Amino acid sequence: MVKAVILVKSPKKLIAAKLGKMNFIYNSFPVSGQFDAVAFVEVKSLSEIREITTKIQMIPGVERTETMMEIQ
C-alpha cells in the first residue's frame, strides 16, 4: 500500500468535506496556516496518487496542492 498526505490550498470553506467524499481519501480536515485542508490517502500504487491529486486540482476553487509520500 502507498500512503500519502495531500495539502490543499483553497479559500472554499467546505473543501475538507468535499475531499472526504472522494475515493481512497480516508480522512480529511480543515487546517490553519499556508494550506486550508489536509487529505490522507491510501492506495495500491503510486500512479493512483497522481490520479487523486489531479482530481483534487480539478475541484473549483483549489489553487494548489502539495503531496507528501510515506517513506518506508
N, C-alpha and C. Protein backbone atom coordinates (compact mmCIF):
# COMPACT_ATOMS: atom_id res chain seq x y z
N MET A 1 0.83 -1.19 0.00
CA MET A 1 0.00 0.00 0.00
C MET A 1 0.87 1.24 0.00
N VAL A 2 0.37 2.28 -0.65
CA VAL A 2 1.05 3.56 -0.71
C VAL A 2 0.20 4.56 0.07
N LYS A 3 0.84 5.25 1.01
CA LYS A 3 0.14 6.26 1.81
C LYS A 3 0.72 7.63 1.50
N ALA A 4 -0.15 8.64 1.52
CA ALA A 4 0.29 10.00 1.26
C ALA A 4 -0.60 10.98 2.01
N VAL A 5 -0.05 12.16 2.22
CA VAL A 5 -0.79 13.29 2.77
C VAL A 5 -0.80 14.35 1.68
N ILE A 6 -2.00 14.85 1.36
CA ILE A 6 -2.11 15.89 0.35
C ILE A 6 -2.61 17.16 1.03
N LEU A 7 -1.82 18.21 0.91
CA LEU A 7 -2.19 19.52 1.44
C LEU A 7 -2.89 20.30 0.33
N VAL A 8 -3.98 20.98 0.67
CA VAL A 8 -4.78 21.66 -0.34
C VAL A 8 -4.99 23.12 0.04
N LYS A 9 -4.68 24.00 -0.92
CA LYS A 9 -4.92 25.44 -0.76
C LYS A 9 -6.19 25.80 -1.51
N SER A 10 -7.21 26.23 -0.76
CA SER A 10 -8.49 26.61 -1.37
C SER A 10 -9.26 27.48 -0.41
N PRO A 11 -9.70 28.66 -0.85
CA PRO A 11 -10.48 29.51 0.03
C PRO A 11 -11.90 28.99 0.29
N LYS A 12 -12.30 27.95 -0.43
CA LYS A 12 -13.63 27.38 -0.21
C LYS A 12 -13.71 26.79 1.19
N LYS A 13 -14.74 27.14 1.94
CA LYS A 13 -14.85 26.71 3.33
C LYS A 13 -15.11 25.22 3.48
N LEU A 14 -15.75 24.60 2.53
CA LEU A 14 -16.13 23.20 2.67
C LEU A 14 -15.20 22.26 1.90
N ILE A 15 -14.00 22.70 1.57
CA ILE A 15 -13.11 21.87 0.77
C ILE A 15 -12.77 20.56 1.48
N ALA A 16 -12.58 20.58 2.79
CA ALA A 16 -12.25 19.34 3.52
C ALA A 16 -13.39 18.34 3.43
N ALA A 17 -14.63 18.82 3.49
CA ALA A 17 -15.78 17.92 3.37
C ALA A 17 -15.84 17.30 1.98
N LYS A 18 -15.55 18.09 0.95
CA LYS A 18 -15.54 17.56 -0.42
C LYS A 18 -14.46 16.49 -0.58
N LEU A 19 -13.29 16.75 0.01
CA LEU A 19 -12.20 15.79 -0.08
C LEU A 19 -12.58 14.47 0.59
N GLY A 20 -13.26 14.56 1.71
CA GLY A 20 -13.66 13.37 2.46
C GLY A 20 -14.62 12.46 1.71
N LYS A 21 -15.27 12.98 0.70
CA LYS A 21 -16.21 12.18 -0.10
C LYS A 21 -15.54 11.48 -1.27
N MET A 22 -14.26 11.77 -1.50
CA MET A 22 -13.55 11.16 -2.64
C MET A 22 -13.05 9.77 -2.29
N ASN A 23 -13.00 8.90 -3.30
CA ASN A 23 -12.48 7.55 -3.11
C ASN A 23 -11.02 7.60 -2.68
N PHE A 24 -10.63 6.69 -1.84
CA PHE A 24 -9.26 6.48 -1.36
C PHE A 24 -8.79 7.51 -0.35
N ILE A 25 -9.58 8.55 -0.09
CA ILE A 25 -9.24 9.50 0.97
C ILE A 25 -9.95 9.01 2.22
N TYR A 26 -9.15 8.59 3.21
CA TYR A 26 -9.76 8.00 4.40
C TYR A 26 -9.92 8.99 5.55
N ASN A 27 -9.35 10.18 5.40
CA ASN A 27 -9.56 11.22 6.41
C ASN A 27 -9.21 12.57 5.79
N SER A 28 -9.95 13.59 6.15
CA SER A 28 -9.62 14.95 5.71
C SER A 28 -10.19 15.93 6.73
N PHE A 29 -9.51 17.05 6.87
CA PHE A 29 -9.99 18.06 7.80
C PHE A 29 -9.38 19.41 7.46
N PRO A 30 -10.05 20.50 7.86
CA PRO A 30 -9.51 21.83 7.61
C PRO A 30 -8.35 22.10 8.57
N VAL A 31 -7.41 22.94 8.12
CA VAL A 31 -6.27 23.31 8.94
C VAL A 31 -6.02 24.81 8.79
N SER A 32 -5.26 25.35 9.73
CA SER A 32 -4.85 26.74 9.62
C SER A 32 -3.42 26.78 9.09
N GLY A 33 -3.03 27.91 8.56
CA GLY A 33 -1.68 28.04 8.05
C GLY A 33 -1.67 28.26 6.55
N GLN A 34 -0.58 27.85 5.90
CA GLN A 34 -0.40 28.08 4.47
C GLN A 34 -1.44 27.32 3.63
N PHE A 35 -1.87 26.15 4.10
CA PHE A 35 -2.87 25.36 3.39
C PHE A 35 -4.19 25.39 4.16
N ASP A 36 -5.26 24.99 3.49
CA ASP A 36 -6.59 25.07 4.09
C ASP A 36 -7.18 23.72 4.47
N ALA A 37 -6.65 22.64 3.91
CA ALA A 37 -7.17 21.31 4.22
C ALA A 37 -6.07 20.27 4.03
N VAL A 38 -6.24 19.15 4.74
CA VAL A 38 -5.34 18.01 4.64
C VAL A 38 -6.17 16.79 4.28
N ALA A 39 -5.64 15.98 3.36
CA ALA A 39 -6.31 14.73 2.98
C ALA A 39 -5.32 13.57 3.15
N PHE A 40 -5.75 12.51 3.80
CA PHE A 40 -4.94 11.31 3.96
C PHE A 40 -5.40 10.27 2.96
N VAL A 41 -4.46 9.73 2.20
CA VAL A 41 -4.77 8.83 1.09
C VAL A 41 -4.05 7.50 1.29
N GLU A 42 -4.73 6.41 0.94
CA GLU A 42 -4.11 5.08 0.94
C GLU A 42 -4.58 4.34 -0.31
N VAL A 43 -3.64 3.98 -1.17
CA VAL A 43 -3.95 3.31 -2.43
C VAL A 43 -2.96 2.16 -2.66
N LYS A 44 -3.17 1.43 -3.72
CA LYS A 44 -2.32 0.28 -4.02
C LYS A 44 -1.06 0.65 -4.80
N SER A 45 -1.12 1.70 -5.63
CA SER A 45 0.04 2.03 -6.46
C SER A 45 0.31 3.53 -6.48
N LEU A 46 1.54 3.86 -6.79
CA LEU A 46 1.96 5.26 -6.86
C LEU A 46 1.19 6.05 -7.91
N SER A 47 0.87 5.42 -9.02
CA SER A 47 0.14 6.12 -10.08
C SER A 47 -1.25 6.58 -9.62
N GLU A 48 -1.83 5.86 -8.68
CA GLU A 48 -3.15 6.26 -8.16
C GLU A 48 -3.06 7.57 -7.38
N ILE A 49 -1.93 7.81 -6.73
CA ILE A 49 -1.75 9.07 -6.01
C ILE A 49 -1.82 10.24 -6.98
N ARG A 50 -1.17 10.08 -8.12
CA ARG A 50 -1.19 11.14 -9.14
C ARG A 50 -2.61 11.38 -9.63
N GLU A 51 -3.38 10.32 -9.84
CA GLU A 51 -4.77 10.45 -10.30
C GLU A 51 -5.62 11.20 -9.28
N ILE A 52 -5.46 10.87 -8.01
CA ILE A 52 -6.23 11.53 -6.96
C ILE A 52 -5.85 13.01 -6.87
N THR A 53 -4.56 13.29 -6.93
CA THR A 53 -4.10 14.68 -6.89
C THR A 53 -4.67 15.48 -8.05
N THR A 54 -4.68 14.89 -9.24
CA THR A 54 -5.25 15.57 -10.41
C THR A 54 -6.74 15.85 -10.20
N LYS A 55 -7.48 14.89 -9.64
CA LYS A 55 -8.91 15.10 -9.37
C LYS A 55 -9.12 16.22 -8.36
N ILE A 56 -8.27 16.27 -7.34
CA ILE A 56 -8.39 17.34 -6.35
C ILE A 56 -8.12 18.70 -6.99
N GLN A 57 -7.12 18.77 -7.85
CA GLN A 57 -6.78 20.03 -8.50
C GLN A 57 -7.87 20.50 -9.45
N MET A 58 -8.74 19.62 -9.89
CA MET A 58 -9.84 19.98 -10.78
C MET A 58 -11.07 20.50 -10.03
N ILE A 59 -11.09 20.40 -8.70
CA ILE A 59 -12.21 20.92 -7.92
C ILE A 59 -12.19 22.44 -8.02
N PRO A 60 -13.33 23.05 -8.37
CA PRO A 60 -13.36 24.52 -8.47
C PRO A 60 -12.93 25.17 -7.16
N GLY A 61 -12.03 26.14 -7.26
CA GLY A 61 -11.54 26.86 -6.09
C GLY A 61 -10.21 26.36 -5.55
N VAL A 62 -9.78 25.17 -5.96
CA VAL A 62 -8.49 24.67 -5.49
C VAL A 62 -7.39 25.43 -6.21
N GLU A 63 -6.53 26.06 -5.44
CA GLU A 63 -5.45 26.87 -6.01
C GLU A 63 -4.18 26.06 -6.22
N ARG A 64 -3.87 25.18 -5.26
CA ARG A 64 -2.69 24.33 -5.41
C ARG A 64 -2.73 23.20 -4.41
N THR A 65 -1.89 22.20 -4.65
CA THR A 65 -1.76 21.07 -3.74
C THR A 65 -0.28 20.78 -3.52
N GLU A 66 -0.01 20.09 -2.44
CA GLU A 66 1.34 19.58 -2.19
C GLU A 66 1.18 18.17 -1.62
N THR A 67 1.88 17.23 -2.21
CA THR A 67 1.74 15.82 -1.81
C THR A 67 3.00 15.35 -1.11
N MET A 68 2.81 14.69 0.01
CA MET A 68 3.92 14.11 0.76
C MET A 68 3.67 12.61 0.88
N MET A 69 4.62 11.83 0.40
CA MET A 69 4.50 10.37 0.38
C MET A 69 5.16 9.76 1.61
N GLU A 70 4.55 8.69 2.11
CA GLU A 70 5.17 7.95 3.21
C GLU A 70 6.39 7.19 2.67
N ILE A 71 7.48 7.25 3.39
CA ILE A 71 8.69 6.53 3.00
C ILE A 71 8.95 5.43 4.02
N GLN A 72 9.23 4.24 3.51
CA GLN A 72 9.49 3.13 4.43
C GLN A 72 10.89 2.62 4.29
